[in-house]
PDB file of N, CA and C in Angstrom:
ATOM      1  N   UNK A   1     -62.976 286.609-206.017  1.00  0.00           N
ATOM      2  CA  UNK A   1     -62.666 285.780-207.212  1.00  0.00           C
ATOM      3  C   UNK A   1     -61.675 284.731-206.150  1.00  0.00           C
ATOM      4  N   UNK A   2     -61.482 283.439-206.112  1.00  0.00           N
ATOM      5  CA  UNK A   2     -61.330 282.174-205.541  1.00  0.00           C
ATOM      6  C   UNK A   2     -59.361 282.371-205.177  1.00  0.00           C
ATOM      7  N   UNK A   3     -59.101 282.428-204.012  1.00  0.00           N
ATOM      8  CA  UNK A   3     -57.471 282.448-203.784  1.00  0.00           C
ATOM      9  C   UNK A   3     -56.555 281.875-204.399  1.00  0.00           C
ATOM     10  N   UNK A   4     -56.893 280.393-205.387  1.00  0.00           N
ATOM     11  CA  UNK A   4     -56.246 279.940-205.986  1.00  0.00           C
ATOM     12  C   UNK A   4     -55.901 280.399-207.142  1.00  0.00           C
ATOM     13  N   UNK A   5     -56.701 281.302-208.013  1.00  0.00           N
ATOM     14  CA  UNK A   5     -56.683 282.299-209.311  1.00  0.00           C
ATOM     15  C   UNK A   5     -55.577 283.065-208.894  1.00  0.00           C
ATOM     16  N   UNK A   6     -55.017 283.456-207.795  1.00  0.00           N
ATOM     17  CA  UNK A   6     -53.996 284.255-207.642  1.00  0.00           C
ATOM     18  C   UNK A   6     -52.653 283.526-207.386  1.00  0.00           C
ATOM     19  N   UNK A   7     -52.868 282.574-207.013  1.00  0.00           N
ATOM     20  CA  UNK A   7     -51.687 281.376-206.355  1.00  0.00           C
ATOM     21  C   UNK A   7     -51.914 280.455-206.478  1.00  0.00           C
ATOM     22  N   UNK A   8     -51.703 280.039-207.821  1.00  0.00           N
ATOM     23  CA  UNK A   8     -51.730 278.612-208.453  1.00  0.00           C
ATOM     24  C   UNK A   8     -51.185 277.349-207.680  1.00  0.00           C
ATOM     25  N   UNK A   9     -49.902 277.606-206.932  1.00  0.00           N
ATOM     26  CA  UNK A   9     -49.053 276.760-206.491  1.00  0.00           C
ATOM     27  C   UNK A   9     -50.457 276.193-205.146  1.00  0.00           C
ATOM     28  N   UNK A  10     -51.024 276.935-204.648  1.00  0.00           N
ATOM     29  CA  UNK A  10     -51.920 276.940-203.204  1.00  0.00           C
ATOM     30  C   UNK A  10     -53.060 276.158-204.054  1.00  0.00           C
ATOM     31  N   UNK A  11     -53.221 275.709-204.872  1.00  0.00           N
ATOM     32  CA  UNK A  11     -54.374 274.606-205.690  1.00  0.00           C
ATOM     33  C   UNK A  11     -53.687 273.832-206.685  1.00  0.00           C
ATOM     34  N   UNK A  12     -52.874 272.924-206.561  1.00  0.00           N
ATOM     35  CA  UNK A  12     -52.356 272.219-207.781  1.00  0.00           C
ATOM     36  C   UNK A  12     -53.182 271.441-208.008  1.00  0.00           C
ATOM     37  N   UNK A  13     -52.946 271.023-209.366  1.00  0.00           N
ATOM     38  CA  UNK A  13     -53.732 269.865-210.269  1.00  0.00           C
ATOM     39  C   UNK A  13     -53.967 268.554-209.592  1.00  0.00           C
ATOM     40  N   UNK A  14     -53.357 267.839-208.224  1.00  0.00           N
ATOM     41  CA  UNK A  14     -53.391 267.040-208.155  1.00  0.00           C
ATOM     42  C   UNK A  14     -54.215 266.705-206.911  1.00  0.00           C
ATOM     43  N   UNK A  15     -55.182 268.274-206.616  1.00  0.00           N
ATOM     44  CA  UNK A  15     -56.159 268.677-205.915  1.00  0.00           C
ATOM     45  C   UNK A  15     -57.337 268.917-206.228  1.00  0.00           C
ATOM     46  N   UNK A  16     -56.987 270.195-206.802  1.00  0.00           N
ATOM     47  CA  UNK A  16     -58.272 270.775-207.604  1.00  0.00           C
ATOM     48  C   UNK A  16     -59.001 269.563-208.979  1.00  0.00           C
ATOM     49  N   UNK A  17     -58.654 268.582-209.052  1.00  0.00           N
ATOM     50  CA  UNK A  17     -59.210 267.717-210.175  1.00  0.00           C
ATOM     51  C   UNK A  17     -60.647 266.821-209.561  1.00  0.00           C
ATOM     52  N   UNK A  18     -60.699 267.170-208.212  1.00  0.00           N
ATOM     53  CA  UNK A  18     -62.108 266.638-207.254  1.00  0.00           C
ATOM     54  C   UNK A  18     -62.831 267.764-207.284  1.00  0.00           C
ATOM     55  N   UNK A  19     -64.226 267.321-207.204  1.00  0.00           N
ATOM     56  CA  UNK A  19     -65.179 268.131-206.930  1.00  0.00           C
ATOM     57  C   UNK A  19     -64.958 269.074-205.690  1.00  0.00           C
ATOM     58  N   UNK A  20     -64.609 268.613-204.589  1.00  0.00           N
ATOM     59  CA  UNK A  20     -64.065 269.565-203.619  1.00  0.00           C
ATOM     60  C   UNK A  20     -62.715 269.075-203.183  1.00  0.00           C
ATOM     61  N   UNK A  21     -61.639 270.193-202.981  1.00  0.00           N
ATOM     62  CA  UNK A  21     -60.656 269.964-202.812  1.00  0.00           C
ATOM     63  C   UNK A  21     -60.439 269.973-201.234  1.00  0.00           C
ATOM     64  N   UNK A  22     -59.158 268.972-201.082  1.00  0.00           N
ATOM     65  CA  UNK A  22     -59.186 268.785-199.537  1.00  0.00           C
ATOM     66  C   UNK A  22     -59.306 269.720-198.217  1.00  0.00           C
ATOM     67  N   UNK A  23     -58.462 270.627-198.547  1.00  0.00           N
ATOM     68  CA  UNK A  23     -58.902 271.855-197.855  1.00  0.00           C
ATOM     69  C   UNK A  23     -60.078 272.246-197.576  1.00  0.00           C
ATOM     70  N   UNK A  24     -60.872 272.498-198.124  1.00  0.00           N
ATOM     71  CA  UNK A  24     -62.531 272.603-197.856  1.00  0.00           C
ATOM     72  C   UNK A  24     -62.974 271.283-197.282  1.00  0.00           C
ATOM     73  N   UNK A  25     -63.130 270.083-197.664  1.00  0.00           N
ATOM     74  CA  UNK A  25     -63.327 269.302-196.994  1.00  0.00           C
ATOM     75  C   UNK A  25     -62.814 268.936-195.183  1.00  0.00           C
ATOM     76  N   UNK A  26     -61.486 269.369-195.265  1.00  0.00           N
ATOM     77  CA  UNK A  26     -61.159 269.007-193.885  1.00  0.00           C
ATOM     78  C   UNK A  26     -61.433 270.025-193.205  1.00  0.00           C
ATOM     79  N   UNK A  27     -61.549 271.246-193.551  1.00  0.00           N
ATOM     80  CA  UNK A  27     -62.067 272.880-192.919  1.00  0.00           C
ATOM     81  C   UNK A  27     -63.685 272.233-192.616  1.00  0.00           C
ATOM     82  N   UNK A  28     -64.334 271.991-193.279  1.00  0.00           N
ATOM     83  CA  UNK A  28     -65.462 272.029-193.135  1.00  0.00           C
ATOM     84  C   UNK A  28     -66.100 271.039-192.397  1.00  0.00           C
ATOM     85  N   UNK A  29     -64.937 270.103-192.400  1.00  0.00           N
ATOM     86  CA  UNK A  29     -65.585 268.771-191.321  1.00  0.00           C
ATOM     87  C   UNK A  29     -64.801 268.996-190.123  1.00  0.00           C
ATOM     88  N   UNK A  30     -64.243 270.383-189.874  1.00  0.00           N
ATOM     89  CA  UNK A  30     -62.992 270.337-188.470  1.00  0.00           C
ATOM     90  C   UNK A  30     -62.486 269.290-188.732  1.00  0.00           C
ATOM     91  N   UNK A  31     -62.242 268.557-189.357  1.00  0.00           N
ATOM     92  CA  UNK A  31     -61.014 267.531-189.071  1.00  0.00           C
ATOM     93  C   UNK A  31     -59.946 267.872-188.228  1.00  0.00           C
ATOM     94  N   UNK A  32     -59.254 266.917-187.350  1.00  0.00           N
ATOM     95  CA  UNK A  32     -57.753 267.634-187.143  1.00  0.00           C
ATOM     96  C   UNK A  32     -57.076 267.402-187.430  1.00  0.00           C
ATOM     97  N   UNK A  33     -55.198 267.672-187.372  1.00  0.00           N
ATOM     98  CA  UNK A  33     -54.623 267.832-188.004  1.00  0.00           C
ATOM     99  C   UNK A  33     -54.314 266.186-188.647  1.00  0.00           C
ATOM    100  N   UNK A  34     -54.402 264.986-187.939  1.00  0.00           N
ATOM    101  CA  UNK A  34     -53.747 263.632-188.259  1.00  0.00           C
ATOM    102  C   UNK A  34     -54.392 263.183-189.499  1.00  0.00           C
ATOM    103  N   UNK A  35     -56.235 263.454-189.052  1.00  0.00           N
ATOM    104  CA  UNK A  35     -57.558 262.976-190.276  1.00  0.00           C
ATOM    105  C   UNK A  35     -56.952 264.046-191.489  1.00  0.00           C
ATOM    106  N   UNK A  36     -56.481 265.219-191.152  1.00  0.00           N
ATOM    107  CA  UNK A  36     -56.666 266.100-192.550  1.00  0.00           C
ATOM    108  C   UNK A  36     -55.368 265.807-193.511  1.00  0.00           C
ATOM    109  N   UNK A  37     -54.256 265.541-192.575  1.00  0.00           N
ATOM    110  CA  UNK A  37     -53.417 265.020-193.388  1.00  0.00           C
ATOM    111  C   UNK A  37     -53.499 263.649-194.168  1.00  0.00           C
ATOM    112  N   UNK A  38     -54.229 262.614-193.409  1.00  0.00           N
ATOM    113  CA  UNK A  38     -55.151 261.323-194.228  1.00  0.00           C
ATOM    114  C   UNK A  38     -55.578 261.626-195.481  1.00  0.00           C
ATOM    115  N   UNK A  39     -56.512 262.365-195.227  1.00  0.00           N
ATOM    116  CA  UNK A  39     -57.449 262.836-196.290  1.00  0.00           C
ATOM    117  C   UNK A  39     -56.379 263.287-197.520  1.00  0.00           C
ATOM    118  N   UNK A  40     -55.400 264.029-197.421  1.00  0.00           N
ATOM    119  CA  UNK A  40     -54.523 265.038-198.224  1.00  0.00           C
ATOM    120  C   UNK A  40     -53.475 263.877-199.110  1.00  0.00           C
ATOM    121  N   UNK A  41     -53.088 262.941-198.142  1.00  0.00           N
ATOM    122  CA  UNK A  41     -51.849 262.294-198.700  1.00  0.00           C
ATOM    123  C   UNK A  41     -52.820 261.076-199.289  1.00  0.00           C
ATOM    124  N   UNK A  42     -54.034 260.730-199.420  1.00  0.00           N
ATOM    125  CA  UNK A  42     -54.738 259.572-199.815  1.00  0.00           C
ATOM    126  C   UNK A  42     -55.215 260.094-201.099  1.00  0.00           C
ATOM    127  N   UNK A  43     -55.831 261.568-201.483  1.00  0.00           N
ATOM    128  CA  UNK A  43     -56.506 262.131-202.598  1.00  0.00           C
ATOM    129  C   UNK A  43     -55.066 262.464-203.153  1.00  0.00           C
ATOM    130  N   UNK A  44     -54.065 262.377-203.213  1.00  0.00           N
ATOM    131  CA  UNK A  44     -53.240 263.188-204.003  1.00  0.00           C
ATOM    132  C   UNK A  44     -52.283 261.854-204.171  1.00  0.00           C
ATOM    133  N   UNK A  45     -52.370 260.583-203.630  1.00  0.00           N
ATOM    134  CA  UNK A  45     -51.150 259.733-204.105  1.00  0.00           C
ATOM    135  C   UNK A  45     -50.581 259.374-205.501  1.00  0.00           C
ATOM    136  N   UNK A  46     -51.788 259.206-206.346  1.00  0.00           N
ATOM    137  CA  UNK A  46     -51.843 258.676-207.831  1.00  0.00           C
ATOM    138  C   UNK A  46     -51.193 259.619-208.239  1.00  0.00           C
ATOM    139  N   UNK A  47     -51.354 260.877-207.978  1.00  0.00           N
ATOM    140  CA  UNK A  47     -50.564 262.215-208.971  1.00  0.00           C
ATOM    141  C   UNK A  47     -49.736 262.951-208.787  1.00  0.00           C
ATOM    142  N   UNK A  48     -48.691 262.420-207.327  1.00  0.00           N
ATOM    143  CA  UNK A  48     -48.360 263.312-207.284  1.00  0.00           C
ATOM    144  C   UNK A  48     -46.906 262.174-206.675  1.00  0.00           C
ATOM    145  N   UNK A  49     -46.957 261.776-205.273  1.00  0.00           N
ATOM    146  CA  UNK A  49     -46.013 260.859-204.407  1.00  0.00           C
ATOM    147  C   UNK A  49     -45.919 259.517-204.551  1.00  0.00           C
ATOM    148  N   UNK A  50     -47.083 258.951-205.028  1.00  0.00           N
ATOM    149  CA  UNK A  50     -47.420 257.857-205.148  1.00  0.00           C
ATOM    150  C   UNK A  50     -47.183 256.949-203.987  1.00  0.00           C
ATOM    151  N   UNK A  51     -46.603 255.819-203.840  1.00  0.00           N
ATOM    152  CA  UNK A  51     -46.392 254.879-202.552  1.00  0.00           C
ATOM    153  C   UNK A  51     -45.888 255.976-201.438  1.00  0.00           C
ATOM    154  N   UNK A  52     -44.905 256.669-201.815  1.00  0.00           N
ATOM    155  CA  UNK A  52     -44.479 257.310-200.090  1.00  0.00           C
ATOM    156  C   UNK A  52     -45.535 258.180-199.490  1.00  0.00           C
ATOM    157  N   UNK A  53     -46.587 258.757-200.204  1.00  0.00           N
ATOM    158  CA  UNK A  53     -47.865 259.654-200.003  1.00  0.00           C
ATOM    159  C   UNK A  53     -48.762 258.219-199.092  1.00  0.00           C
ATOM    160  N   UNK A  54     -48.698 257.383-199.759  1.00  0.00           N
ATOM    161  CA  UNK A  54     -49.650 256.221-198.991  1.00  0.00           C
ATOM    162  C   UNK A  54     -49.066 255.627-197.720  1.00  0.00           C
ATOM    163  N   UNK A  55     -47.332 255.584-197.660  1.00  0.00           N
ATOM    164  CA  UNK A  55     -47.056 255.388-196.408  1.00  0.00           C
ATOM    165  C   UNK A  55     -46.859 256.474-195.756  1.00  0.00           C
ATOM    166  N   UNK A  56     -47.283 257.911-195.838  1.00  0.00           N
ATOM    167  CA  UNK A  56     -47.521 258.997-195.088  1.00  0.00           C
ATOM    168  C   UNK A  56     -48.689 258.748-194.437  1.00  0.00           C
ATOM    169  N   UNK A  57     -49.727 258.759-195.372  1.00  0.00           N
ATOM    170  CA  UNK A  57     -50.879 258.351-194.476  1.00  0.00           C
ATOM    171  C   UNK A  57     -51.280 257.168-193.743  1.00  0.00           C
ATOM    172  N   UNK A  58     -50.419 256.149-193.779  1.00  0.00           N
ATOM    173  CA  UNK A  58     -50.287 255.514-192.984  1.00  0.00           C
ATOM    174  C   UNK A  58     -49.930 255.501-191.655  1.00  0.00           C
ATOM    175  N   UNK A  59     -48.488 256.036-191.862  1.00  0.00           N
ATOM    176  CA  UNK A  59     -48.204 257.084-190.553  1.00  0.00           C
ATOM    177  C   UNK A  59     -49.004 257.749-189.672  1.00  0.00           C
ATOM    178  N   UNK A  60     -49.931 258.594-190.170  1.00  0.00           N
ATOM    179  CA  UNK A  60     -50.807 259.035-189.460  1.00  0.00           C
ATOM    180  C   UNK A  60     -52.380 258.697-189.099  1.00  0.00           C
ATOM    181  N   UNK A  61     -52.541 257.163-190.005  1.00  0.00           N
ATOM    182  CA  UNK A  61     -53.234 256.321-189.595  1.00  0.00           C
ATOM    183  C   UNK A  61     -52.914 255.848-188.224  1.00  0.00           C
ATOM    184  N   UNK A  62     -51.477 255.219-188.169  1.00  0.00           N
ATOM    185  CA  UNK A  62     -50.933 254.553-187.073  1.00  0.00           C
ATOM    186  C   UNK A  62     -50.756 255.776-185.576  1.00  0.00           C
ATOM    187  N   UNK A  63     -50.660 256.856-186.253  1.00  0.00           N
ATOM    188  CA  UNK A  63     -50.667 257.910-184.853  1.00  0.00           C
ATOM    189  C   UNK A  63     -52.349 258.427-184.426  1.00  0.00           C
ATOM    190  N   UNK A  64     -53.206 258.089-185.235  1.00  0.00           N
ATOM    191  CA  UNK A  64     -54.090 258.072-184.595  1.00  0.00           C
ATOM    192  C   UNK A  64     -55.146 256.816-183.760  1.00  0.00           C
ATOM    193  N   UNK A  65     -54.481 255.735-184.312  1.00  0.00           N
ATOM    194  CA  UNK A  65     -54.644 254.790-183.331  1.00  0.00           C
ATOM    195  C   UNK A  65     -54.323 254.976-182.170  1.00  0.00           C
ATOM    196  N   UNK A  66     -52.729 255.244-181.936  1.00  0.00           N
ATOM    197  CA  UNK A  66     -51.675 255.258-180.764  1.00  0.00           C
ATOM    198  C   UNK A  66     -52.698 256.259-179.709  1.00  0.00           C
ATOM    199  N   UNK A  67     -53.218 257.575-180.083  1.00  0.00           N
ATOM    200  CA  UNK A  67     -53.643 258.336-179.677  1.00  0.00           C
ATOM    201  C   UNK A  67     -55.348 258.318-178.985  1.00  0.00           C
ATOM    202  N   UNK A  68     -55.936 257.032-179.531  1.00  0.00           N
ATOM    203  CA  UNK A  68     -57.157 256.982-179.368  1.00  0.00           C
ATOM    204  C   UNK A  68     -57.308 255.321-178.811  1.00  0.00           C
ATOM    205  N   UNK A  69     -56.240 254.335-178.432  1.00  0.00           N
ATOM    206  CA  UNK A  69     -56.749 253.286-177.639  1.00  0.00           C
ATOM    207  C   UNK A  69     -57.183 253.609-175.961  1.00  0.00           C
TER     208      UNK A  69
END
């Protein structure tokens, strides 16, 4: 049985509505912390925190840019 059946807060609606949840995509593609957070915030912004999540994604994008200059 998948973990989220026992712990509903681990797999909230704003993630499990997609064909692949962000955590699975992030781990299977070995994304780093910043990349993973960008994916997470972009995928959930319409259903959770709106523009606040887009600003969070933007912060991580700017951080990636700084690290890769």
